[in-house]
Amino acid sequence: MNMEKIEQLRAKFLKVYASLPEPEGYQIVAVIEGKTYSWNKAYAEISDKTALGDKILEKMRLVGII
């Protein structure tokens, strides 16, 4: 996936994340290589622009969360 698409997904994620009720942040939103990631863990990876964050974004896009 190209960098422009990743940045668009990151912006969508951050917009959705900002409007989540606090308890929702602990809900699992992605499973990558057998490991689960909550909204809060995903936020940390995505905001740090890690390779794992990019994988989480793609998974969330595929399942229609963002």
Protein backbone atom coordinates (compact mmCIF):
# COMPACT_ATOMS: atom_id res chain seq x y z
CA MET A 1 0.00 0.00 0.00
CA ASN A 2 1.38 3.43 -0.88
CA MET A 3 2.21 6.10 1.67
CA GLU A 4 -0.63 8.39 0.61
CA LYS A 5 -3.20 5.65 1.26
CA ILE A 6 -1.59 4.86 4.63
CA GLU A 7 -1.77 8.54 5.62
CA GLN A 8 -5.46 8.66 4.62
CA LEU A 9 -6.18 5.59 6.74
CA ARG A 10 -4.18 7.05 9.64
CA ALA A 11 -6.25 10.25 9.47
CA LYS A 12 -9.51 8.24 9.43
CA PHE A 13 -8.34 6.15 12.38
CA LEU A 14 -7.38 9.20 14.44
CA LYS A 15 -10.75 10.83 13.76
CA VAL A 16 -12.63 7.70 14.88
CA TYR A 17 -10.33 7.14 17.86
CA ALA A 18 -10.84 10.70 19.10
CA SER A 19 -14.60 10.16 19.31
CA LEU A 20 -14.49 6.82 21.16
CA PRO A 21 -15.86 6.63 24.69
CA GLU A 22 -12.98 5.86 27.07
CA PRO A 23 -14.08 2.28 27.96
CA GLU A 24 -14.24 1.40 24.24
CA GLY A 25 -10.48 1.95 23.96
CA TYR A 26 -9.89 -1.43 25.59
CA GLN A 27 -11.94 -3.36 23.01
CA ILE A 28 -10.00 -5.51 20.53
CA VAL A 29 -10.06 -4.15 16.98
CA ALA A 30 -7.43 -6.24 15.20
CA VAL A 31 -5.64 -9.56 15.33
CA ILE A 32 -2.24 -9.53 13.65
CA GLU A 33 -0.13 -12.69 13.55
CA GLY A 34 -2.13 -14.19 16.40
CA LYS A 35 -1.78 -11.17 18.70
CA THR A 36 -4.73 -8.98 19.66
CA TYR A 37 -4.71 -5.18 19.58
CA SER A 38 -7.15 -2.87 21.32
CA TRP A 39 -7.99 0.62 20.14
CA ASN A 40 -5.45 1.97 22.65
CA LYS A 41 -2.64 -0.35 21.56
CA ALA A 42 -3.48 0.33 17.92
CA TYR A 43 -3.32 4.07 18.62
CA ALA A 44 0.19 3.75 20.04
CA GLU A 45 1.44 1.83 16.99
CA ILE A 46 -0.37 3.98 14.44
CA SER A 47 0.62 7.31 15.95
CA ASP A 48 4.25 6.16 16.07
CA LYS A 49 3.96 5.21 12.36
CA THR A 50 5.37 1.71 12.87
CA ALA A 51 5.18 -1.15 10.37
CA LEU A 52 2.84 -2.91 12.79
CA GLY A 53 0.66 0.20 12.86
CA ASP A 54 0.41 0.02 9.07
CA LYS A 55 -0.67 -3.63 9.30
CA ILE A 56 -3.30 -2.73 11.88
CA LEU A 57 -4.62 0.05 9.63
CA GLU A 58 -4.89 -2.34 6.69
CA LYS A 59 -6.70 -4.95 8.79
CA MET A 60 -9.13 -2.35 10.11
CA ARG A 61 -9.77 -1.17 6.54
CA LEU A 62 -10.42 -4.72 5.34
CA VAL A 63 -12.98 -5.43 8.04
CA GLY A 64 -14.65 -2.05 7.55
CA ILE A 65 -13.82 -0.40 10.88
CA ILE A 66 -12.23 2.54 9.10
